[in-house]
Amino acid sequence: MSGIAAREVTQHSADSLAVLEQKIHRTIESLKTARAAKADAERDAVRMREQIELREEELETLRNENVALRKEREDIRGRVEKLLEQIEALAE
């Protein structure tokens, strides 16, 4: 092989290696970015789960309060009806 041909092969090999290095560096950066995005998404998911849990607890509390208020309303309704009956009885 002549000296020129050997230099061309060496230069081609060096160029190929540089291109490969660039691709590897871009792949590494893409992987770092993807890992950071995954970590962010996992943190968001944990926060959302915590918020859902809190909302479920609030919902349960509100349901219980609603049941208690309905019962209280029915009790008051019954008492008012009895009072009205007593007033009607007095009016007769």
PDB file of N, CA and C in Angstrom:
ATOM      1  N   MET A   1       0.858  -1.159   0.000  1.00  0.00           N
ATOM      2  CA  MET A   1       0.000   0.000   0.000  1.00  0.00           C
ATOM      3  C   MET A   1       0.911   1.231   0.000  1.00  0.00           C
ATOM      4  N   SER A   2       0.514   2.173  -0.774  1.00  0.00           N
ATOM      5  CA  SER A   2       1.355   3.363  -0.864  1.00  0.00           C
ATOM      6  C   SER A   2       1.141   4.233   0.363  1.00  0.00           C
ATOM      7  N   GLY A   3       1.981   5.187   0.554  1.00  0.00           N
ATOM      8  CA  GLY A   3       1.892   6.084   1.701  1.00  0.00           C
ATOM      9  C   GLY A   3       0.628   6.917   1.655  1.00  0.00           C
ATOM     10  N   ILE A   4       0.213   7.349   0.474  1.00  0.00           N
ATOM     11  CA  ILE A   4      -0.989   8.164   0.335  1.00  0.00           C
ATOM     12  C   ILE A   4      -2.223   7.329   0.677  1.00  0.00           C
ATOM     13  N   ALA A   5      -2.258   6.124   0.172  1.00  0.00           N
ATOM     14  CA  ALA A   5      -3.393   5.242   0.437  1.00  0.00           C
ATOM     15  C   ALA A   5      -3.482   4.920   1.923  1.00  0.00           C
ATOM     16  N   ALA A   6      -2.358   4.711   2.556  1.00  0.00           N
ATOM     17  CA  ALA A   6      -2.340   4.398   3.984  1.00  0.00           C
ATOM     18  C   ALA A   6      -2.843   5.593   4.791  1.00  0.00           C
ATOM     19  N   ARG A   7      -2.426   6.809   4.375  1.00  0.00           N
ATOM     20  CA  ARG A   7      -2.912   8.005   5.070  1.00  0.00           C
ATOM     21  C   ARG A   7      -4.407   8.178   4.879  1.00  0.00           C
ATOM     22  N   GLU A   8      -4.907   7.880   3.693  1.00  0.00           N
ATOM     23  CA  GLU A   8      -6.348   8.001   3.424  1.00  0.00           C
ATOM     24  C   GLU A   8      -7.140   7.023   4.295  1.00  0.00           C
ATOM     25  N   VAL A   9      -6.650   5.791   4.414  1.00  0.00           N
ATOM     26  CA  VAL A   9      -7.318   4.791   5.247  1.00  0.00           C
ATOM     27  C   VAL A   9      -7.274   5.238   6.710  1.00  0.00           C
ATOM     28  N   THR A  10      -6.120   5.739   7.149  1.00  0.00           N
ATOM     29  CA  THR A  10      -5.987   6.203   8.524  1.00  0.00           C
ATOM     30  C   THR A  10      -6.917   7.391   8.770  1.00  0.00           C
ATOM     31  N   GLN A  11      -6.956   8.327   7.810  1.00  0.00           N
ATOM     32  CA  GLN A  11      -7.824   9.490   7.954  1.00  0.00           C
ATOM     33  C   GLN A  11      -9.288   9.055   7.960  1.00  0.00           C
ATOM     34  N   HIS A  12      -9.657   8.119   7.116  1.00  0.00           N
ATOM     35  CA  HIS A  12     -11.031   7.618   7.069  1.00  0.00           C
ATOM     36  C   HIS A  12     -11.387   6.940   8.396  1.00  0.00           C
ATOM     37  N   SER A  13     -10.457   6.165   8.939  1.00  0.00           N
ATOM     38  CA  SER A  13     -10.679   5.503  10.222  1.00  0.00           C
ATOM     39  C   SER A  13     -10.843   6.526  11.337  1.00  0.00           C
ATOM     40  N   ALA A  14     -10.028   7.567  11.304  1.00  0.00           N
ATOM     41  CA  ALA A  14     -10.112   8.608  12.325  1.00  0.00           C
ATOM     42  C   ALA A  14     -11.438   9.356  12.209  1.00  0.00           C
ATOM     43  N   ASP A  15     -11.862   9.645  10.985  1.00  0.00           N
ATOM     44  CA  ASP A  15     -13.139  10.329  10.769  1.00  0.00           C
ATOM     45  C   ASP A  15     -14.294   9.456  11.254  1.00  0.00           C
ATOM     46  N   SER A  16     -14.226   8.177  10.925  1.00  0.00           N
ATOM     47  CA  SER A  16     -15.273   7.253  11.365  1.00  0.00           C
ATOM     48  C   SER A  16     -15.330   7.169  12.882  1.00  0.00           C
ATOM     49  N   LEU A  17     -14.167   7.155  13.501  1.00  0.00           N
ATOM     50  CA  LEU A  17     -14.107   7.097  14.959  1.00  0.00           C
ATOM     51  C   LEU A  17     -14.687   8.378  15.567  1.00  0.00           C
ATOM     52  N   ALA A  18     -14.389   9.523  14.973  1.00  0.00           N
ATOM     53  CA  ALA A  18     -14.919  10.791  15.482  1.00  0.00           C
ATOM     54  C   ALA A  18     -16.440  10.820  15.361  1.00  0.00           C
ATOM     55  N   VAL A  19     -16.946  10.337  14.231  1.00  0.00           N
ATOM     56  CA  VAL A  19     -18.400  10.289  14.046  1.00  0.00           C
ATOM     57  C   VAL A  19     -19.019   9.355  15.083  1.00  0.00           C
ATOM     58  N   LEU A  20     -18.397   8.222  15.295  1.00  0.00           N
ATOM     59  CA  LEU A  20     -18.897   7.269  16.285  1.00  0.00           C
ATOM     60  C   LEU A  20     -18.875   7.882  17.685  1.00  0.00           C
ATOM     61  N   GLU A  21     -17.795   8.598  18.020  1.00  0.00           N
ATOM     62  CA  GLU A  21     -17.715   9.257  19.318  1.00  0.00           C
ATOM     63  C   GLU A  21     -18.841  10.273  19.495  1.00  0.00           C
ATOM     64  N   GLN A  22     -19.098  11.049  18.454  1.00  0.00           N
ATOM     65  CA  GLN A  22     -20.185  12.037  18.515  1.00  0.00           C
ATOM     66  C   GLN A  22     -21.535  11.359  18.745  1.00  0.00           C
ATOM     67  N   LYS A  23     -21.751  10.270  18.038  1.00  0.00           N
ATOM     68  CA  LYS A  23     -23.007   9.529  18.212  1.00  0.00           C
ATOM     69  C   LYS A  23     -23.133   8.996  19.633  1.00  0.00           C
ATOM     70  N   ILE A  24     -22.039   8.494  20.161  1.00  0.00           N
ATOM     71  CA  ILE A  24     -22.054   7.963  21.527  1.00  0.00           C
ATOM     72  C   ILE A  24     -22.335   9.082  22.522  1.00  0.00           C
ATOM     73  N   HIS A  25     -21.702  10.240  22.341  1.00  0.00           N
ATOM     74  CA  HIS A  25     -21.935  11.372  23.240  1.00  0.00           C
ATOM     75  C   HIS A  25     -23.396  11.847  23.164  1.00  0.00           C
ATOM     76  N   ARG A  26     -23.945  11.903  21.953  1.00  0.00           N
ATOM     77  CA  ARG A  26     -25.356  12.293  21.812  1.00  0.00           C
ATOM     78  C   ARG A  26     -26.269  11.270  22.481  1.00  0.00           C
ATOM     79  N   THR A  27     -25.934   9.996  22.336  1.00  0.00           N
ATOM     80  CA  THR A  27     -26.731   8.939  22.961  1.00  0.00           C
ATOM     81  C   THR A  27     -26.672   9.046  24.482  1.00  0.00           C
ATOM     82  N   ILE A  28     -25.488   9.328  25.015  1.00  0.00           N
ATOM     83  CA  ILE A  28     -25.328   9.488  26.465  1.00  0.00           C
ATOM     84  C   ILE A  28     -26.153  10.673  26.947  1.00  0.00           C
ATOM     85  N   GLU A  29     -26.103  11.789  26.238  1.00  0.00           N
ATOM     86  CA  GLU A  29     -26.882  12.973  26.619  1.00  0.00           C
ATOM     87  C   GLU A  29     -28.377  12.682  26.537  1.00  0.00           C
ATOM     88  N   SER A  30     -28.785  11.970  25.507  1.00  0.00           N
ATOM     89  CA  SER A  30     -30.202  11.598  25.385  1.00  0.00           C
ATOM     90  C   SER A  30     -30.631  10.714  26.549  1.00  0.00           C
ATOM     91  N   LEU A  31     -29.759   9.795  26.937  1.00  0.00           N
ATOM     92  CA  LEU A  31     -30.056   8.903  28.057  1.00  0.00           C
ATOM     93  C   LEU A  31     -30.156   9.694  29.357  1.00  0.00           C
ATOM     94  N   LYS A  32     -29.238  10.653  29.570  1.00  0.00           N
ATOM     95  CA  LYS A  32     -29.307  11.483  30.773  1.00  0.00           C
ATOM     96  C   LYS A  32     -30.604  12.276  30.806  1.00  0.00           C
ATOM     97  N   THR A  33     -30.974  12.837  29.666  1.00  0.00           N
ATOM     98  CA  THR A  33     -32.216  13.612  29.585  1.00  0.00           C
ATOM     99  C   THR A  33     -33.428  12.722  29.862  1.00  0.00           C
ATOM    100  N   ALA A  34     -33.425  11.539  29.292  1.00  0.00           N
ATOM    101  CA  ALA A  34     -34.536  10.609  29.503  1.00  0.00           C
ATOM    102  C   ALA A  34     -34.619  10.176  30.965  1.00  0.00           C
ATOM    103  N   ARG A  35     -33.481   9.934  31.584  1.00  0.00           N
ATOM    104  CA  ARG A  35     -33.488   9.543  32.996  1.00  0.00           C
ATOM    105  C   ARG A  35     -33.998  10.674  33.876  1.00  0.00           C
ATOM    106  N   ALA A  36     -33.588  11.900  33.570  1.00  0.00           N
ATOM    107  CA  ALA A  36     -34.070  13.055  34.343  1.00  0.00           C
ATOM    108  C   ALA A  36     -35.581  13.217  34.167  1.00  0.00           C
ATOM    109  N   ALA A  37     -36.055  13.040  32.945  1.00  0.00           N
ATOM    110  CA  ALA A  37     -37.501  13.142  32.690  1.00  0.00           C
ATOM    111  C   ALA A  37     -38.251  12.042  33.427  1.00  0.00           C
ATOM    112  N   LYS A  38     -37.685  10.854  33.460  1.00  0.00           N
ATOM    113  CA  LYS A  38     -38.311   9.739  34.178  1.00  0.00           C
ATOM    114  C   LYS A  38     -38.380  10.045  35.667  1.00  0.00           C
ATOM    115  N   ALA A  39     -37.288  10.562  36.219  1.00  0.00           N
ATOM    116  CA  ALA A  39     -37.272  10.902  37.655  1.00  0.00           C
ATOM    117  C   ALA A  39     -38.319  11.968  37.956  1.00  0.00           C
ATOM    118  N   ASP A  40     -38.421  12.972  37.078  1.00  0.00           N
ATOM    119  CA  ASP A  40     -39.444  14.017  37.259  1.00  0.00           C
ATOM    120  C   ASP A  40     -40.844  13.408  37.220  1.00  0.00           C
ATOM    121  N   ALA A  41     -41.068  12.535  36.261  1.00  0.00           N
ATOM    122  CA  ALA A  41     -42.381  11.902  36.127  1.00  0.00           C
ATOM    123  C   ALA A  41     -42.709  11.042  37.343  1.00  0.00           C
ATOM    124  N   GLU A  42     -41.719  10.347  37.871  1.00  0.00           N
ATOM    125  CA  GLU A  42     -41.945   9.525  39.063  1.00  0.00           C
ATOM    126  C   GLU A  42     -42.276  10.395  40.276  1.00  0.00           C
ATOM    127  N   ARG A  43     -41.579  11.535  40.409  1.00  0.00           N
ATOM    128  CA  ARG A  43     -41.889  12.460  41.511  1.00  0.00           C
ATOM    129  C   ARG A  43     -43.307  13.013  41.361  1.00  0.00           C
ATOM    130  N   ASP A  44     -43.656  13.354  40.134  1.00  0.00           N
ATOM    131  CA  ASP A  44     -45.009  13.860  39.880  1.00  0.00           C
ATOM    132  C   ASP A  44     -46.058  12.795  40.207  1.00  0.00           C
ATOM    133  N   ALA A  45     -45.764  11.561  39.841  1.00  0.00           N
ATOM    134  CA  ALA A  45     -46.708  10.476  40.110  1.00  0.00           C
ATOM    135  C   ALA A  45     -46.898  10.276  41.611  1.00  0.00           C
ATOM    136  N   VAL A  46     -45.814  10.339  42.367  1.00  0.00           N
ATOM    137  CA  VAL A  46     -45.902  10.197  43.826  1.00  0.00           C
ATOM    138  C   VAL A  46     -46.741  11.332  44.408  1.00  0.00           C
ATOM    139  N   ARG A  47     -46.464  12.563  43.945  1.00  0.00           N
ATOM    140  CA  ARG A  47     -47.218  13.718  44.431  1.00  0.00           C
ATOM    141  C   ARG A  47     -48.700  13.586  44.090  1.00  0.00           C
ATOM    142  N   MET A  48     -48.991  13.121  42.892  1.00  0.00           N
ATOM    143  CA  MET A  48     -50.389  12.941  42.482  1.00  0.00           C
ATOM    144  C   MET A  48     -51.080  11.859  43.323  1.00  0.00           C
ATOM    145  N   ARG A  49     -50.366  10.782  43.594  1.00  0.00           N
ATOM    146  CA  ARG A  49     -50.949   9.728  44.434  1.00  0.00           C
ATOM    147  C   ARG A  49     -51.268  10.266  45.821  1.00  0.00           C
ATOM    148  N   GLU A  50     -50.363  11.071  46.360  1.00  0.00           N
ATOM    149  CA  GLU A  50     -50.595  11.670  47.685  1.00  0.00           C
ATOM    150  C   GLU A  50     -51.807  12.602  47.646  1.00  0.00           C
ATOM    151  N   GLN A  51     -51.919  13.375  46.575  1.00  0.00           N
ATOM    152  CA  GLN A  51     -53.065  14.277  46.450  1.00  0.00           C
ATOM    153  C   GLN A  51     -54.369  13.488  46.306  1.00  0.00           C
ATOM    154  N   ILE A  52     -54.322  12.421  45.549  1.00  0.00           N
ATOM    155  CA  ILE A  52     -55.518  11.584  45.390  1.00  0.00           C
ATOM    156  C   ILE A  52     -55.924  11.000  46.739  1.00  0.00           C
ATOM    157  N   GLU A  53     -54.947  10.541  47.496  1.00  0.00           N
ATOM    158  CA  GLU A  53     -55.239   9.970  48.815  1.00  0.00           C
ATOM    159  C   GLU A  53     -55.889  11.019  49.726  1.00  0.00           C
ATOM    160  N   LEU A  54     -55.337  12.232  49.703  1.00  0.00           N
ATOM    161  CA  LEU A  54     -55.925  13.306  50.507  1.00  0.00           C
ATOM    162  C   LEU A  54     -57.351  13.617  50.057  1.00  0.00           C
ATOM    163  N   ARG A  55     -57.570  13.664  48.759  1.00  0.00           N
ATOM    164  CA  ARG A  55     -58.909  13.952  48.232  1.00  0.00           C
ATOM    165  C   ARG A  55     -59.895  12.844  48.599  1.00  0.00           C
ATOM    166  N   GLU A  56     -59.424  11.609  48.576  1.00  0.00           N
ATOM    167  CA  GLU A  56     -60.289  10.500  48.968  1.00  0.00           C
ATOM    168  C   GLU A  56     -60.677  10.609  50.443  1.00  0.00           C
ATOM    169  N   GLU A  57     -59.717  11.001  51.274  1.00  0.00           N
ATOM    170  CA  GLU A  57     -60.013  11.184  52.703  1.00  0.00           C
ATOM    171  C   GLU A  57     -61.010  12.330  52.894  1.00  0.00           C
ATOM    172  N   GLU A  58     -60.793  13.428  52.153  1.00  0.00           N
ATOM    173  CA  GLU A  58     -61.722  14.553  52.241  1.00  0.00           C
ATOM    174  C   GLU A  58     -63.117  14.140  51.774  1.00  0.00           C
ATOM    175  N   LEU A  59     -63.169  13.374  50.698  1.00  0.00           N
ATOM    176  CA  LEU A  59     -64.444  12.916  50.176  1.00  0.00           C
ATOM    177  C   LEU A  59     -65.171  12.046  51.197  1.00  0.00           C
ATOM    178  N   GLU A  60     -64.440  11.150  51.836  1.00  0.00           N
ATOM    179  CA  GLU A  60     -65.046  10.288  52.851  1.00  0.00           C
ATOM    180  C   GLU A  60     -65.583  11.126  54.012  1.00  0.00           C
ATOM    181  N   THR A  61     -64.801  12.114  54.432  1.00  0.00           N
ATOM    182  CA  THR A  61     -65.238  13.006  55.511  1.00  0.00           C
ATOM    183  C   THR A  61     -66.518  13.739  55.109  1.00  0.00           C
ATOM    184  N   LEU A  62     -66.544  14.260  53.893  1.00  0.00           N
ATOM    185  CA  LEU A  62     -67.728  14.978  53.414  1.00  0.00           C
ATOM    186  C   LEU A  62     -68.950  14.060  53.291  1.00  0.00           C
ATOM    187  N   ARG A  63     -68.721  12.839  52.861  1.00  0.00           N
ATOM    188  CA  ARG A  63     -69.837  11.875  52.781  1.00  0.00           C
ATOM    189  C   ARG A  63     -70.408  11.606  54.174  1.00  0.00           C
ATOM    190  N   ASN A  64     -69.517  11.393  55.131  1.00  0.00           N
ATOM    191  CA  ASN A  64     -69.976  11.140  56.503  1.00  0.00           C
ATOM    192  C   ASN A  64     -70.727  12.344  57.058  1.00  0.00           C
ATOM    193  N   GLU A  65     -70.192  13.532  56.768  1.00  0.00           N
ATOM    194  CA  GLU A  65     -70.854  14.749  57.221  1.00  0.00           C
ATOM    195  C   GLU A  65     -72.226  14.899  56.557  1.00  0.00           C
ATOM    196  N   ASN A  66     -72.314  14.575  55.302  1.00  0.00           N
ATOM    197  CA  ASN A  66     -73.580  14.642  54.579  1.00  0.00           C
ATOM    198  C   ASN A  66     -74.617  13.695  55.181  1.00  0.00           C
ATOM    199  N   VAL A  67     -74.184  12.492  55.501  1.00  0.00           N
ATOM    200  CA  VAL A  67     -75.090  11.520  56.116  1.00  0.00           C
ATOM    201  C   VAL A  67     -75.576  12.050  57.466  1.00  0.00           C
ATOM    202  N   ALA A  68     -74.655  12.602  58.250  1.00  0.00           N
ATOM    203  CA  ALA A  68     -75.025  13.133  59.566  1.00  0.00           C
ATOM    204  C   ALA A  68     -76.008  14.300  59.424  1.00  0.00           C
ATOM    205  N   LEU A  69     -75.765  15.186  58.451  1.00  0.00           N
ATOM    206  CA  LEU A  69     -76.661  16.321  58.248  1.00  0.00           C
ATOM    207  C   LEU A  69     -78.049  15.884  57.774  1.00  0.00           C
ATOM    208  N   ARG A  70     -78.098  14.884  56.936  1.00  0.00           N
ATOM    209  CA  ARG A  70     -79.403  14.370  56.491  1.00  0.00           C
ATOM    210  C   ARG A  70     -80.184  13.768  57.669  1.00  0.00           C
ATOM    211  N   LYS A  71     -79.459  13.034  58.518  1.00  0.00           N
ATOM    212  CA  LYS A  71     -80.116  12.455  59.681  1.00  0.00           C
ATOM    213  C   LYS A  71     -80.622  13.563  60.602  1.00  0.00           C
ATOM    214  N   GLU A  72     -79.777  14.577  60.814  1.00  0.00           N
ATOM    215  CA  GLU A  72     -80.187  15.693  61.653  1.00  0.00           C
ATOM    216  C   GLU A  72     -81.406  16.403  61.055  1.00  0.00           C
ATOM    217  N   ARG A  73     -81.404  16.577  59.750  1.00  0.00           N
ATOM    218  CA  ARG A  73     -82.542  17.218  59.085  1.00  0.00           C
ATOM    219  C   ARG A  73     -83.819  16.411  59.291  1.00  0.00           C
ATOM    220  N   GLU A  74     -83.704  15.105  59.159  1.00  0.00           N
ATOM    221  CA  GLU A  74     -84.883  14.250  59.368  1.00  0.00           C
ATOM    222  C   GLU A  74     -85.380  14.329  60.813  1.00  0.00           C
ATOM    223  N   ASP A  75     -84.435  14.353  61.754  1.00  0.00           N
ATOM    224  CA  ASP A  75     -84.814  14.487  63.166  1.00  0.00           C
ATOM    225  C   ASP A  75     -85.547  15.810  63.409  1.00  0.00           C
ATOM    226  N   ILE A  76     -85.000  16.888  62.858  1.00  0.00           N
ATOM    227  CA  ILE A  76     -85.629  18.199  63.029  1.00  0.00           C
ATOM    228  C   ILE A  76     -87.000  18.223  62.363  1.00  0.00           C
ATOM    229  N   ARG A  77     -87.092  17.643  61.183  1.00  0.00           N
ATOM    230  CA  ARG A  77     -88.373  17.583  60.475  1.00  0.00           C
ATOM    231  C   ARG A  77     -89.420  16.882  61.342  1.00  0.00           C
ATOM    232  N   GLY A  78     -89.001  15.768  61.943  1.00  0.00           N
ATOM    233  CA  GLY A  78     -89.927  15.032  62.813  1.00  0.00           C
ATOM    234  C   GLY A  78     -90.364  15.863  64.008  1.00  0.00           C
ATOM    235  N   ARG A  79     -89.433  16.576  64.610  1.00  0.00           N
ATOM    236  CA  ARG A  79     -89.763  17.426  65.765  1.00  0.00           C
ATOM    237  C   ARG A  79     -90.702  18.562  65.365  1.00  0.00           C
ATOM    238  N   VAL A  80     -90.441  19.170  64.194  1.00  0.00           N
ATOM    239  CA  VAL A  80     -91.301  20.260  63.719  1.00  0.00           C
ATOM    240  C   VAL A  80     -92.699  19.729  63.427  1.00  0.00           C
ATOM    241  N   GLU A  81     -92.795  18.560  62.837  1.00  0.00           N
ATOM    242  CA  GLU A  81     -94.111  17.978  62.553  1.00  0.00           C
ATOM    243  C   GLU A  81     -94.886  17.732  63.852  1.00  0.00           C
ATOM    244  N   LYS A  82     -94.188  17.236  64.876  1.00  0.00           N
ATOM    245  CA  LYS A  82     -94.847  17.022  66.166  1.00  0.00           C
ATOM    246  C   LYS A  82     -95.337  18.344  66.754  1.00  0.00           C
ATOM    247  N   LEU A  83     -94.490  19.382  66.662  1.00  0.00           N
ATOM    248  CA  LEU A  83     -94.899  20.699  67.165  1.00  0.00           C
ATOM    249  C   LEU A  83     -96.118  21.224  66.396  1.00  0.00           C
ATOM    250  N   LEU A  84     -96.124  21.049  65.098  1.00  0.00           N
ATOM    251  CA  LEU A  84     -97.264  21.497  64.285  1.00  0.00           C
ATOM    252  C   LEU A  84     -98.542  20.735  64.664  1.00  0.00           C
ATOM    253  N   GLU A  85     -98.382  19.445  64.921  1.00  0.00           N
ATOM    254  CA  GLU A  85     -99.526  18.640  65.328  1.00  0.00           C
ATOM    255  C   GLU A  85    -100.079  19.160  66.680  1.00  0.00           C
ATOM    256  N   GLN A  86     -99.153  19.472  67.589  1.00  0.00           N
ATOM    257  CA  GLN A  86     -99.579  19.994  68.891  1.00  0.00           C
ATOM    258  C   GLN A  86    -100.274  21.348  68.733  1.00  0.00           C
ATOM    259  N   ILE A  87     -99.768  22.198  67.857  1.00  0.00           N
ATOM    260  CA  ILE A  87    -100.403  23.504  67.630  1.00  0.00           C
ATOM    261  C   ILE A  87    -101.769  23.310  67.007  1.00  0.00           C
ATOM    262  N   GLU A  88    -101.896  22.401  66.064  1.00  0.00           N
ATOM    263  CA  GLU A  88    -103.195  22.124  65.448  1.00  0.00           C
ATOM    264  C   GLU A  88    -104.175  21.592  66.471  1.00  0.00           C
ATOM    265  N   ALA A  89    -103.666  20.745  67.372  1.00  0.00           N
ATOM    266  CA  ALA A  89    -104.537  20.202  68.396  1.00  0.00           C
ATOM    267  C   ALA A  89    -105.036  21.296  69.327  1.00  0.00           C
ATOM    268  N   LEU A  90    -104.225  22.266  69.622  1.00  0.00           N
ATOM    269  CA  LEU A  90    -104.640  23.379  70.465  1.00  0.00           C
ATOM    270  C   LEU A  90    -105.664  24.270  69.761  1.00  0.00           C
ATOM    271  N   ALA A  91    -105.506  24.397  68.442  1.00  0.00           N
ATOM    272  CA  ALA A  91    -106.397  25.254  67.667  1.00  0.00           C
ATOM    273  C   ALA A  91    -107.779  24.642  67.528  1.00  0.00           C
ATOM    274  N   GLU A  92    -107.916  23.365  67.674  1.00  0.00           N
ATOM    275  CA  GLU A  92    -109.218  22.712  67.491  1.00  0.00           C
ATOM    276  C   GLU A  92    -110.121  22.868  68.655  1.00  0.00           C
TER     277      GLU A  92
END
